[in-house]
C-alpha atoms as a PDB file:
ATOM      1  CA  MET A   1      -5.653 -61.409  -2.666  1.00  0.00           C
ATOM      2  CA  THR A   2      -4.099 -58.985  -5.191  1.00  0.00           C
ATOM      3  CA  ALA A   3      -5.829 -56.099  -6.954  1.00  0.00           C
ATOM      4  CA  ALA A   4      -6.028 -58.206 -10.136  1.00  0.00           C
ATOM      5  CA  THR A   5      -8.065 -60.882  -8.358  1.00  0.00           C
ATOM      6  CA  LEU A   6     -10.441 -58.514  -6.515  1.00  0.00           C
ATOM      7  CA  PRO A   7     -14.041 -58.457  -7.724  1.00  0.00           C
ATOM      8  CA  VAL A   8     -14.948 -55.661 -10.099  1.00  0.00           C
ATOM      9  CA  SER A   9     -17.441 -54.246  -7.566  1.00  0.00           C
ATOM     10  CA  SER A  10     -14.730 -53.987  -4.901  1.00  0.00           C
ATOM     11  CA  LEU A  11     -12.418 -52.128  -7.284  1.00  0.00           C
ATOM     12  CA  ALA A  12     -15.232 -49.741  -8.199  1.00  0.00           C
ATOM     13  CA  VAL A  13     -16.038 -49.069  -4.538  1.00  0.00           C
ATOM     14  CA  ARG A  14     -12.375 -48.443  -3.771  1.00  0.00           C
ATOM     15  CA  GLY A  15     -12.103 -46.083  -6.786  1.00  0.00           C
ATOM     16  CA  ARG A  16     -15.173 -44.113  -5.687  1.00  0.00           C
ATOM     17  CA  PHE A  17     -13.794 -43.870  -2.153  1.00  0.00           C
ATOM     18  CA  ARG A  18     -10.487 -42.510  -3.416  1.00  0.00           C
ATOM     19  CA  ARG A  19     -12.234 -39.938  -5.635  1.00  0.00           C
ATOM     20  CA  ARG A  20     -14.412 -38.789  -2.755  1.00  0.00           C
ATOM     21  CA  LEU A  21     -11.383 -38.622  -0.484  1.00  0.00           C
ATOM     22  CA  ARG A  22      -9.535 -36.437  -3.007  1.00  0.00           C
ATOM     23  CA  LYS A  23     -12.556 -34.160  -3.400  1.00  0.00           C
ATOM     24  CA  PHE A  24     -12.897 -33.875   0.366  1.00  0.00           C
ATOM     25  CA  GLY A  25      -9.195 -33.063   0.731  1.00  0.00           C
ATOM     26  CA  PHE A  26      -9.430 -30.441  -2.003  1.00  0.00           C
ATOM     27  CA  ALA A  27     -12.536 -28.875  -0.446  1.00  0.00           C
ATOM     28  CA  LEU A  28     -10.892 -28.852   2.982  1.00  0.00           C
ATOM     29  CA  SER A  29      -7.765 -27.161   1.643  1.00  0.00           C
ATOM     30  CA  VAL A  30      -9.879 -24.515  -0.121  1.00  0.00           C
ATOM     31  CA  VAL A  31     -11.788 -23.821   3.104  1.00  0.00           C
ATOM     32  CA  VAL A  32      -8.551 -23.511   5.076  1.00  0.00           C
ATOM     33  CA  ILE A  33      -7.056 -21.081   2.546  1.00  0.00           C
ATOM     34  CA  VAL A  34     -10.156 -18.973   1.875  1.00  0.00           C
ATOM     35  CA  SER A  35     -11.824 -18.906   5.294  1.00  0.00           C
ATOM     36  CA  PRO A  36      -9.502 -16.269   6.867  1.00  0.00           C
ATOM     37  CA  ALA A  37     -10.272 -13.794   4.076  1.00  0.00           C
ATOM     38  CA  ILE A  38     -14.008 -14.543   4.260  1.00  0.00           C
ATOM     39  CA  LEU A  39     -14.055 -14.147   8.043  1.00  0.00           C
ATOM     40  CA  VAL A  40     -12.207 -10.823   7.839  1.00  0.00           C
ATOM     41  CA  PHE A  41     -14.667  -9.528   5.230  1.00  0.00           C
ATOM     42  CA  LEU A  42     -17.673 -10.680   7.264  1.00  0.00           C
ATOM     43  CA  TRP A  43     -16.286  -9.038  10.408  1.00  0.00           C
ATOM     44  CA  MET A  44     -15.682  -5.820   8.458  1.00  0.00           C
ATOM     45  CA  LEU A  45     -19.268  -5.982   7.162  1.00  0.00           C
ATOM     46  CA  SER A  46     -20.503  -6.552  10.719  1.00  0.00           C
ATOM     47  CA  LEU A  47     -18.616  -3.497  11.979  1.00  0.00           C
ATOM     48  CA  SER A  48     -20.104  -1.327   9.249  1.00  0.00           C
ATOM     49  CA  LEU A  49     -23.676  -2.327  10.155  1.00  0.00           C
ATOM     50  CA  LYS A  50     -23.389  -1.838  13.932  1.00  0.00           C
ATOM     51  CA  THR A  51     -23.431   1.175  16.201  1.00  0.00           C
ATOM     52  CA  GLU A  52     -20.226   2.287  17.856  1.00  0.00           C
ATOM     53  CA  VAL A  53     -21.470   0.972  21.202  1.00  0.00           C
ATOM     54  CA  ASP A  54     -21.816  -2.547  19.757  1.00  0.00           C
ATOM     55  CA  ASN A  55     -18.460  -2.250  17.985  1.00  0.00           C
ATOM     56  CA  VAL A  56     -16.566  -1.705  21.242  1.00  0.00           C
ATOM     57  CA  ALA A  57     -18.710  -4.079  23.331  1.00  0.00           C
ATOM     58  CA  TYR A  58     -17.141  -7.026  25.155  1.00  0.00           C
ATOM     59  CA  PRO A  59     -17.744  -9.830  24.493  1.00  0.00           C
ATOM     60  CA  PRO A  60     -17.857  -8.870  20.813  1.00  0.00           C
ATOM     61  CA  VAL A  61     -21.224  -8.645  19.064  1.00  0.00           C
ATOM     62  CA  PHE A  62     -20.991 -10.261  15.615  1.00  0.00           C
ATOM     63  CA  ILE A  63     -24.589 -10.048  14.364  1.00  0.00           C
ATOM     64  CA  PRO A  64     -25.974  -6.486  14.281  1.00  0.00           C
ATOM     65  CA  ASN A  65     -29.217  -6.157  16.230  1.00  0.00           C
ATOM     66  CA  PRO A  66     -30.699  -4.309  14.484  1.00  0.00           C
ATOM     67  CA  PRO A  67     -28.411  -3.493  11.512  1.00  0.00           C
ATOM     68  CA  THR A  68     -27.935   0.184  10.752  1.00  0.00           C
ATOM     69  CA  LEU A  69     -26.739   2.124   7.720  1.00  0.00           C
ATOM     70  CA  SER A  70     -25.762   5.177   9.764  1.00  0.00           C
ATOM     71  CA  ASN A  71     -22.048   4.478   9.264  1.00  0.00           C
ATOM     72  CA  PHE A  72     -22.424   4.592   5.471  1.00  0.00           C
ATOM     73  CA  VAL A  73     -24.516   7.763   5.728  1.00  0.00           C
ATOM     74  CA  GLN A  74     -21.851   9.345   7.937  1.00  0.00           C
ATOM     75  CA  VAL A  75     -19.043   8.399   5.570  1.00  0.00           C
ATOM     76  CA  PHE A  76     -20.787   9.888   2.529  1.00  0.00           C
ATOM     77  CA  ALA A  77     -21.957  12.946   4.475  1.00  0.00           C
ATOM     78  CA  GLU A  78     -18.607  13.867   6.014  1.00  0.00           C
ATOM     79  CA  ASN A  79     -16.405  12.862   3.058  1.00  0.00           C
ATOM     80  CA  SER A  80     -16.718  13.378  -0.685  1.00  0.00           C
ATOM     81  CA  MET A  81     -16.955   9.646  -1.326  1.00  0.00           C
ATOM     82  CA  GLY A  82     -18.884  10.114  -4.546  1.00  0.00           C
ATOM     83  CA  LEU A  83     -16.086  12.293  -5.925  1.00  0.00           C
ATOM     84  CA  TYR A  84     -13.414   9.869  -4.735  1.00  0.00           C
ATOM     85  CA  PHE A  85     -15.319   6.960  -6.275  1.00  0.00           C
ATOM     86  CA  TRP A  86     -15.410   8.796  -9.613  1.00  0.00           C
ATOM     87  CA  ASN A  87     -11.686   9.591  -9.326  1.00  0.00           C
ATOM     88  CA  SER A  88     -10.924   5.898  -8.795  1.00  0.00           C
ATOM     89  CA  ILE A  89     -12.981   4.932 -11.845  1.00  0.00           C
ATOM     90  CA  VAL A  90     -11.260   7.546 -14.029  1.00  0.00           C
ATOM     91  CA  VAL A  91      -7.735   6.741 -12.845  1.00  0.00           C
ATOM     92  CA  SER A  92      -8.079   2.936 -12.887  1.00  0.00           C
ATOM     93  CA  GLY A  93     -10.071   2.920 -16.122  1.00  0.00           C
ATOM     94  CA  LEU A  94      -7.659   5.136 -18.069  1.00  0.00           C
ATOM     95  CA  ALA A  95      -4.600   3.386 -16.647  1.00  0.00           C
ATOM     96  CA  THR A  96      -6.044   0.027 -17.688  1.00  0.00           C
ATOM     97  CA  LEU A  97      -6.999   1.186 -21.198  1.00  0.00           C
ATOM     98  CA  ILE A  98      -3.577   2.722 -21.832  1.00  0.00           C
ATOM     99  CA  ALA A  99      -1.916  -0.406 -20.467  1.00  0.00           C
ATOM    100  CA  LEU A 100      -3.945  -2.548 -22.883  1.00  0.00           C
ATOM    101  CA  ALA A 101      -3.038  -0.290 -25.821  1.00  0.00           C
ATOM    102  CA  VAL A 102       0.654  -0.586 -24.940  1.00  0.00           C
ATOM    103  CA  GLY A 103       0.836  -4.009 -23.328  1.00  0.00           C
ATOM    104  CA  ILE A 104      -0.989  -6.166 -25.892  1.00  0.00           C
ATOM    105  CA  PRO A 105       1.288  -5.267 -28.851  1.00  0.00           C
ATOM    106  CA  ALA A 106       4.324  -5.357 -26.544  1.00  0.00           C
ATOM    107  CA  GLY A 107       3.384  -8.811 -25.261  1.00  0.00           C
ATOM    108  CA  TYR A 108       2.889 -10.029 -28.820  1.00  0.00           C
ATOM    109  CA  GLY A 109       6.277  -8.693 -29.896  1.00  0.00           C
ATOM    110  CA  ILE A 110       8.037 -10.224 -26.885  1.00  0.00           C
ATOM    111  CA  ALA A 111       6.376 -13.587 -27.470  1.00  0.00           C
ATOM    112  CA  ARG A 112       7.181 -13.726 -31.173  1.00  0.00           C
ATOM    113  CA  ALA A 113      10.756 -12.484 -30.677  1.00  0.00           C
ATOM    114  CA  GLN A 114      11.164 -14.909 -27.742  1.00  0.00           C
ATOM    115  CA  ALA A 115      12.691 -12.102 -25.679  1.00  0.00           C
ATOM    116  CA  HIS A 116      12.345 -13.915 -22.376  1.00  0.00           C
ATOM    117  CA  LYS A 117      14.935 -11.726 -20.644  1.00  0.00           C
ATOM    118  CA  LEU A 118      12.794  -8.696 -21.404  1.00  0.00           C
ATOM    119  CA  THR A 119       9.826 -10.452 -19.790  1.00  0.00           C
ATOM    120  CA  VAL A 120      11.860 -10.992 -16.629  1.00  0.00           C
ATOM    121  CA  LEU A 121      12.867  -7.313 -16.672  1.00  0.00           C
ATOM    122  CA  ILE A 122       9.222  -6.275 -16.905  1.00  0.00           C
ATOM    123  CA  LEU A 123       8.339  -8.600 -14.055  1.00  0.00           C
ATOM    124  CA  ILE A 124      11.084  -7.045 -11.922  1.00  0.00           C
ATOM    125  CA  ALA A 125       9.622  -3.608 -12.675  1.00  0.00           C
ATOM    126  CA  ARG A 126       6.266  -4.861 -11.398  1.00  0.00           C
ATOM    127  CA  MET A 127       7.799  -6.320  -8.241  1.00  0.00           C
ATOM    128  CA  THR A 128       9.680  -3.118  -7.396  1.00  0.00           C
ATOM    129  CA  PRO A 129       7.978  -1.356  -4.446  1.00  0.00           C
ATOM    130  CA  ALA A 130       5.884   1.654  -5.412  1.00  0.00           C
ATOM    131  CA  LEU A 131       7.793   3.790  -2.901  1.00  0.00           C
ATOM    132  CA  SER A 132      10.843   3.518  -5.172  1.00  0.00           C
ATOM    133  CA  TYR A 133       9.061   5.536  -7.856  1.00  0.00           C
ATOM    134  CA  LEU A 134       7.575   8.222  -5.611  1.00  0.00           C
ATOM    135  CA  ILE A 135      10.469  10.655  -5.249  1.00  0.00           C
ATOM    136  CA  PRO A 136      11.470  10.850  -8.953  1.00  0.00           C
ATOM    137  CA  LEU A 137       7.838  10.969 -10.066  1.00  0.00           C
ATOM    138  CA  PHE A 138       6.993  13.655  -7.517  1.00  0.00           C
ATOM    139  CA  THR A 139       9.953  15.736  -8.723  1.00  0.00           C
ATOM    140  CA  VAL A 140       8.993  15.352 -12.386  1.00  0.00           C
ATOM    141  CA  PHE A 141       5.331  16.188 -11.760  1.00  0.00           C
ATOM    142  CA  GLN A 142       6.294  19.200  -9.658  1.00  0.00           C
ATOM    143  CA  PHE A 143       8.450  20.469 -12.538  1.00  0.00           C
ATOM    144  CA  LEU A 144       5.599  19.914 -15.010  1.00  0.00           C
ATOM    145  CA  GLY A 145       2.956  21.347 -12.697  1.00  0.00           C
ATOM    146  CA  LEU A 146       1.007  18.091 -12.597  1.00  0.00           C
ATOM    147  CA  ASN A 147       1.016  17.449  -8.875  1.00  0.00           C
ATOM    148  CA  ASN A 148      -2.421  16.991  -7.300  1.00  0.00           C
ATOM    149  CA  THR A 149      -3.988  16.122 -10.681  1.00  0.00           C
ATOM    150  CA  LEU A 150      -5.680  13.008 -12.033  1.00  0.00           C
ATOM    151  CA  THR A 151      -3.239  13.051 -14.956  1.00  0.00           C
ATOM    152  CA  ALA A 152      -0.352  12.439 -12.570  1.00  0.00           C
ATOM    153  CA  LEU A 153      -2.207   9.554 -10.938  1.00  0.00           C
ATOM    154  CA  VAL A 154      -2.994   7.942 -14.303  1.00  0.00           C
ATOM    155  CA  ILE A 155       0.664   8.149 -15.330  1.00  0.00           C
ATOM    156  CA  THR A 156       1.877   6.673 -12.030  1.00  0.00           C
ATOM    157  CA  HIS A 157      -0.658   3.849 -12.187  1.00  0.00           C
ATOM    158  CA  LEU A 158       0.852   2.810 -15.525  1.00  0.00           C
ATOM    159  CA  VAL A 159       3.766   1.558 -13.440  1.00  0.00           C
ATOM    160  CA  ILE A 160       1.284  -0.969 -12.030  1.00  0.00           C
ATOM    161  CA  THR A 161      -0.887  -1.829 -15.023  1.00  0.00           C
ATOM    162  CA  VAL A 162       1.564  -1.994 -17.950  1.00  0.00           C
ATOM    163  CA  PRO A 163       3.872  -4.706 -16.516  1.00  0.00           C
ATOM    164  CA  ILE A 164       0.860  -6.846 -15.557  1.00  0.00           C
ATOM    165  CA  VAL A 165      -0.667  -6.686 -19.042  1.00  0.00           C
ATOM    166  CA  VAL A 166       2.655  -7.211 -20.838  1.00  0.00           C
ATOM    167  CA  TYR A 167       3.606 -10.218 -18.729  1.00  0.00           C
ATOM    168  CA  ILE A 168       0.208 -11.882 -19.040  1.00  0.00           C
ATOM    169  CA  MET A 169      -0.111 -11.255 -22.771  1.00  0.00           C
ATOM    170  CA  ALA A 170       3.450 -12.413 -23.523  1.00  0.00           C
ATOM    171  CA  GLY A 171       2.727 -15.710 -21.772  1.00  0.00           C
ATOM    172  CA  HIS A 172      -0.624 -16.066 -23.542  1.00  0.00           C
ATOM    173  CA  PHE A 173       0.682 -15.308 -27.046  1.00  0.00           C
ATOM    174  CA  GLU A 174       3.402 -17.930 -26.580  1.00  0.00           C
ATOM    175  CA  THR A 175       0.687 -20.588 -26.233  1.00  0.00           C
ATOM    176  CA  LEU A 176      -1.036 -19.670 -29.515  1.00  0.00           C
ATOM    177  CA  PRO A 177      -0.233 -21.737 -32.623  1.00  0.00           C
ATOM    178  CA  ARG A 178       1.916 -19.878 -35.121  1.00  0.00           C
ATOM    179  CA  GLU A 179       0.571 -21.875 -38.056  1.00  0.00           C
ATOM    180  CA  LEU A 180      -2.516 -19.650 -38.323  1.00  0.00           C
ATOM    181  CA  GLU A 181      -0.412 -16.496 -38.421  1.00  0.00           C
ATOM    182  CA  GLU A 182       1.957 -17.994 -40.968  1.00  0.00           C
ATOM    183  CA  ALA A 183      -0.991 -19.012 -43.159  1.00  0.00           C
ATOM    184  CA  ALA A 184      -2.352 -15.450 -43.029  1.00  0.00           C
ATOM    185  CA  GLN A 185       1.038 -14.012 -43.967  1.00  0.00           C
ATOM    186  CA  ILE A 186       1.324 -16.442 -46.887  1.00  0.00           C
ATOM    187  CA  ASP A 187      -2.030 -15.100 -48.112  1.00  0.00           C
ATOM    188  CA  GLY A 188      -0.545 -11.599 -48.163  1.00  0.00           C
ATOM    189  CA  ALA A 189      -1.472 -10.266 -44.731  1.00  0.00           C
ATOM    190  CA  SER A 190       0.929  -7.863 -43.065  1.00  0.00           C
ATOM    191  CA  VAL A 191       2.265  -8.334 -39.551  1.00  0.00           C
ATOM    192  CA  TRP A 192      -0.194  -5.753 -38.198  1.00  0.00           C
ATOM    193  CA  THR A 193      -3.131  -7.359 -40.021  1.00  0.00           C
ATOM    194  CA  THR A 194      -2.127 -10.782 -38.726  1.00  0.00           C
ATOM    195  CA  PHE A 195      -1.844  -9.443 -35.187  1.00  0.00           C
ATOM    196  CA  ARG A 196      -5.191  -7.628 -35.349  1.00  0.00           C
ATOM    197  CA  HIS A 197      -7.349 -10.245 -37.102  1.00  0.00           C
ATOM    198  CA  VAL A 198      -5.684 -13.530 -36.085  1.00  0.00           C
ATOM    199  CA  ALA A 199      -3.709 -13.209 -32.867  1.00  0.00           C
ATOM    200  CA  MET A 200      -5.925 -10.801 -30.924  1.00  0.00           C
ATOM    201  CA  PRO A 201      -9.191 -12.741 -31.342  1.00  0.00           C
ATOM    202  CA  LEU A 202      -7.430 -15.906 -30.186  1.00  0.00           C
ATOM    203  CA  ALA A 203      -5.941 -14.035 -27.234  1.00  0.00           C
ATOM    204  CA  ARG A 204      -9.281 -12.737 -25.973  1.00  0.00           C
ATOM    205  CA  PRO A 205      -9.232 -14.822 -22.724  1.00  0.00           C
ATOM    206  CA  GLY A 206      -5.785 -13.490 -21.890  1.00  0.00           C
ATOM    207  CA  ILE A 207      -6.888  -9.921 -22.636  1.00  0.00           C
ATOM    208  CA  VAL A 208      -9.825 -10.324 -20.266  1.00  0.00           C
ATOM    209  CA  VAL A 209      -7.601 -11.623 -17.464  1.00  0.00           C
ATOM    210  CA  GLY A 210      -5.037  -8.858 -18.025  1.00  0.00           C
ATOM    211  CA  THR A 211      -7.759  -6.208 -17.988  1.00  0.00           C
ATOM    212  CA  ILE A 212      -9.293  -7.491 -14.758  1.00  0.00           C
ATOM    213  CA  LEU A 213      -6.006  -7.857 -12.885  1.00  0.00           C
ATOM    214  CA  ALA A 214      -4.686  -4.489 -14.054  1.00  0.00           C
ATOM    215  CA  PHE A 215      -7.906  -2.739 -13.019  1.00  0.00           C
ATOM    216  CA  ILE A 216      -8.004  -4.427  -9.609  1.00  0.00           C
ATOM    217  CA  PHE A 217      -4.355  -3.674  -8.778  1.00  0.00           C
ATOM    218  CA  SER A 218      -4.791  -0.077  -9.913  1.00  0.00           C
ATOM    219  CA  TRP A 219      -8.032   0.324  -7.954  1.00  0.00           C
ATOM    220  CA  ASN A 220      -6.467  -0.969  -4.737  1.00  0.00           C
ATOM    221  CA  ASN A 221      -3.316   1.153  -4.914  1.00  0.00           C
ATOM    222  CA  PHE A 222      -2.937   3.430  -1.896  1.00  0.00           C
ATOM    223  CA  VAL A 223       0.560   4.919  -1.994  1.00  0.00           C
ATOM    224  CA  PHE A 224       0.293   6.995  -5.170  1.00  0.00           C
ATOM    225  CA  GLY A 225      -3.108   8.403  -4.243  1.00  0.00           C
ATOM    226  CA  ALA A 226      -2.002   9.287  -0.722  1.00  0.00           C
ATOM    227  CA  VAL A 227       1.164  11.146  -1.782  1.00  0.00           C
ATOM    228  CA  LEU A 228       0.519  12.580  -5.247  1.00  0.00           C
ATOM    229  CA  ALA A 229      -3.197  13.425  -5.044  1.00  0.00           C
ATOM    230  CA  GLY A 230      -4.805  16.556  -3.638  1.00  0.00           C
ATOM    231  CA  ARG A 231      -8.001  17.016  -1.671  1.00  0.00           C
ATOM    232  CA  ALA A 232     -10.153  16.909  -4.818  1.00  0.00           C
ATOM    233  CA  THR A 233      -8.199  14.211  -6.673  1.00  0.00           C
ATOM    234  CA  ARG A 234      -7.920  11.487  -4.036  1.00  0.00           C
ATOM    235  CA  THR A 235      -8.898   7.952  -4.935  1.00  0.00           C
ATOM    236  CA  LEU A 236     -10.984   5.704  -2.687  1.00  0.00           C
ATOM    237  CA  PRO A 237      -8.125   3.831  -0.938  1.00  0.00           C
ATOM    238  CA  ALA A 238      -6.537   7.157   0.019  1.00  0.00           C
ATOM    239  CA  ALA A 239      -9.929   8.507   1.077  1.00  0.00           C
ATOM    240  CA  VAL A 240     -10.351   5.668   3.585  1.00  0.00           C
ATOM    241  CA  TYR A 241      -7.294   6.986   5.390  1.00  0.00           C
ATOM    242  CA  ASN A 242      -9.112  10.302   5.851  1.00  0.00           C
ATOM    243  CA  VAL A 243     -11.804   8.554   7.884  1.00  0.00           C
ATOM    244  CA  LEU A 244      -9.219   8.067  10.640  1.00  0.00           C
ATOM    245  CA  THR A 245      -9.211  10.925  13.135  1.00  0.00           C
ATOM    246  CA  PHE A 246      -6.878  11.928  15.940  1.00  0.00           C
ATOM    247  CA  GLU A 247      -9.736  12.289  18.413  1.00  0.00           C
ATOM    248  CA  GLN A 248     -10.952   8.692  18.274  1.00  0.00           C
ATOM    249  CA  LEU A 249     -10.896   5.584  16.128  1.00  0.00           C
ATOM    250  CA  ALA A 250     -14.446   5.070  14.869  1.00  0.00           C
ATOM    251  CA  TRP A 251     -14.592   1.454  13.710  1.00  0.00           C
ATOM    252  CA  GLY A 252     -18.041   1.724  12.131  1.00  0.00           C
ATOM    253  CA  PRO A 253     -17.305   4.511   9.619  1.00  0.00           C
ATOM    254  CA  LEU A 254     -13.871   3.061   8.920  1.00  0.00           C
ATOM    255  CA  ALA A 255     -15.355  -0.350   8.109  1.00  0.00           C
ATOM    256  CA  ALA A 256     -18.079   1.282   5.990  1.00  0.00           C
ATOM    257  CA  ALA A 257     -15.454   3.168   3.972  1.00  0.00           C
ATOM    258  CA  ALA A 258     -13.481  -0.061   3.509  1.00  0.00           C
ATOM    259  CA  ILE A 259     -16.633  -1.805   2.250  1.00  0.00           C
ATOM    260  CA  VAL A 260     -17.185   0.989  -0.283  1.00  0.00           C
ATOM    261  CA  VAL A 261     -13.642   0.441  -1.596  1.00  0.00           C
ATOM    262  CA  THR A 262     -13.827  -3.364  -1.622  1.00  0.00           C
ATOM    263  CA  LEU A 263     -17.326  -3.920  -2.974  1.00  0.00           C
ATOM    264  CA  PRO A 264     -16.825  -2.801  -6.634  1.00  0.00           C
ATOM    265  CA  VAL A 265     -13.859  -5.094  -7.328  1.00  0.00           C
ATOM    266  CA  LEU A 266     -15.491  -7.909  -5.349  1.00  0.00           C
ATOM    267  CA  LEU A 267     -18.670  -7.732  -7.436  1.00  0.00           C
ATOM    268  CA  LEU A 268     -16.604  -7.442 -10.630  1.00  0.00           C
ATOM    269  CA  THR A 269     -14.682 -10.595  -9.752  1.00  0.00           C
ATOM    270  CA  ILE A 270     -17.847 -12.522  -8.868  1.00  0.00           C
ATOM    271  CA  PHE A 271     -19.697 -11.598 -12.048  1.00  0.00           C
ATOM    272  CA  ILE A 272     -16.853 -12.432 -14.432  1.00  0.00           C
ATOM    273  CA  GLN A 273     -15.185 -15.257 -12.554  1.00  0.00           C
ATOM    274  CA  LYS A 274     -15.878 -17.625 -15.463  1.00  0.00           C
ATOM    275  CA  GLU A 275     -13.926 -15.357 -17.799  1.00  0.00           C
ATOM    276  CA  ILE A 276     -11.027 -15.342 -15.339  1.00  0.00           C
ATOM    277  CA  VAL A 277     -10.968 -19.138 -15.098  1.00  0.00           C
ATOM    278  CA  ILE A 278     -11.192 -19.540 -18.879  1.00  0.00           C
ATOM    279  CA  GLY A 279      -8.393 -17.042 -19.419  1.00  0.00           C
ATOM    280  CA  MET A 280      -6.093 -18.719 -16.917  1.00  0.00           C
ATOM    281  CA  THR A 281      -6.714 -22.257 -18.169  1.00  0.00           C
ATOM    282  CA  ALA A 282      -6.283 -21.090 -21.790  1.00  0.00           C
ATOM    283  CA  GLY A 283      -2.800 -19.834 -21.010  1.00  0.00           C
ATOM    284  CA  GLY A 284      -3.521 -16.247 -20.060  1.00  0.00           C
ATOM    285  CA  VAL A 285      -1.234 -16.596 -17.028  1.00  0.00           C
ATOM    286  CA  LYS A 286       1.943 -18.511 -17.704  1.00  0.00           C
ATOM    287  CA  GLY A 287       3.141 -20.683 -14.881  1.00  0.00           C
ATOM    288  CA  GLY A 288       6.680 -20.803 -13.676  1.00  0.00           C
END
């Protein structure tokens, strides 16, 4: 019996089975991909809420009994975590804002000029390891007297944030219809007016995605903060390294410091995940 001669009910049952099978396969693949990261985060959270005796116990103790916040208290008491948290906000926030001010117009110009080679060049600049920039930047900042300052960190973080914003916005502006901009220019609008009142409102999802990704990558950067920052200008990722001591490796305080670094960007991603999805599906991140 062929598919054309099967009863309608049998075809419907087979269609539902295939849809459920696809959903199950998709869910299984998501679990396989995401579960390692979730397990690592949960284990890190477990370490931060246990005493050092439980952290080194064998067999391992996963559930704290009872949970304790002493590791967080120790981290904030022995390290200036509040200051480092503020430094991270200042550095990542300013680097992201400057990147938006530079990257949005640059992405628009690249998209409208169809300068795809320039986009590839910017992407290569983003993919270049941060260590490649350290020696020349350190020399320049030493000459200018900017070493161990937040200004130096903001400037270095532009190496991270600007290419991200430019690449995302160039891909997003390429997906926008030019007819609306041409209609505005026919009505007498200048290029700047068209960009500000027509292109930018349409590119809002891409701007949101660029802002989030630039902030997250800047927040998580360790190399620049570890080398170019001083005792009072360290950012959180570099401050976690200070929790390590030569006497012993205290897993509890180390995990607590890692939670303090991870939690802000994790909560940010959770709260605005819809904006991220909308921006990506609207063309904020160009595939290829």
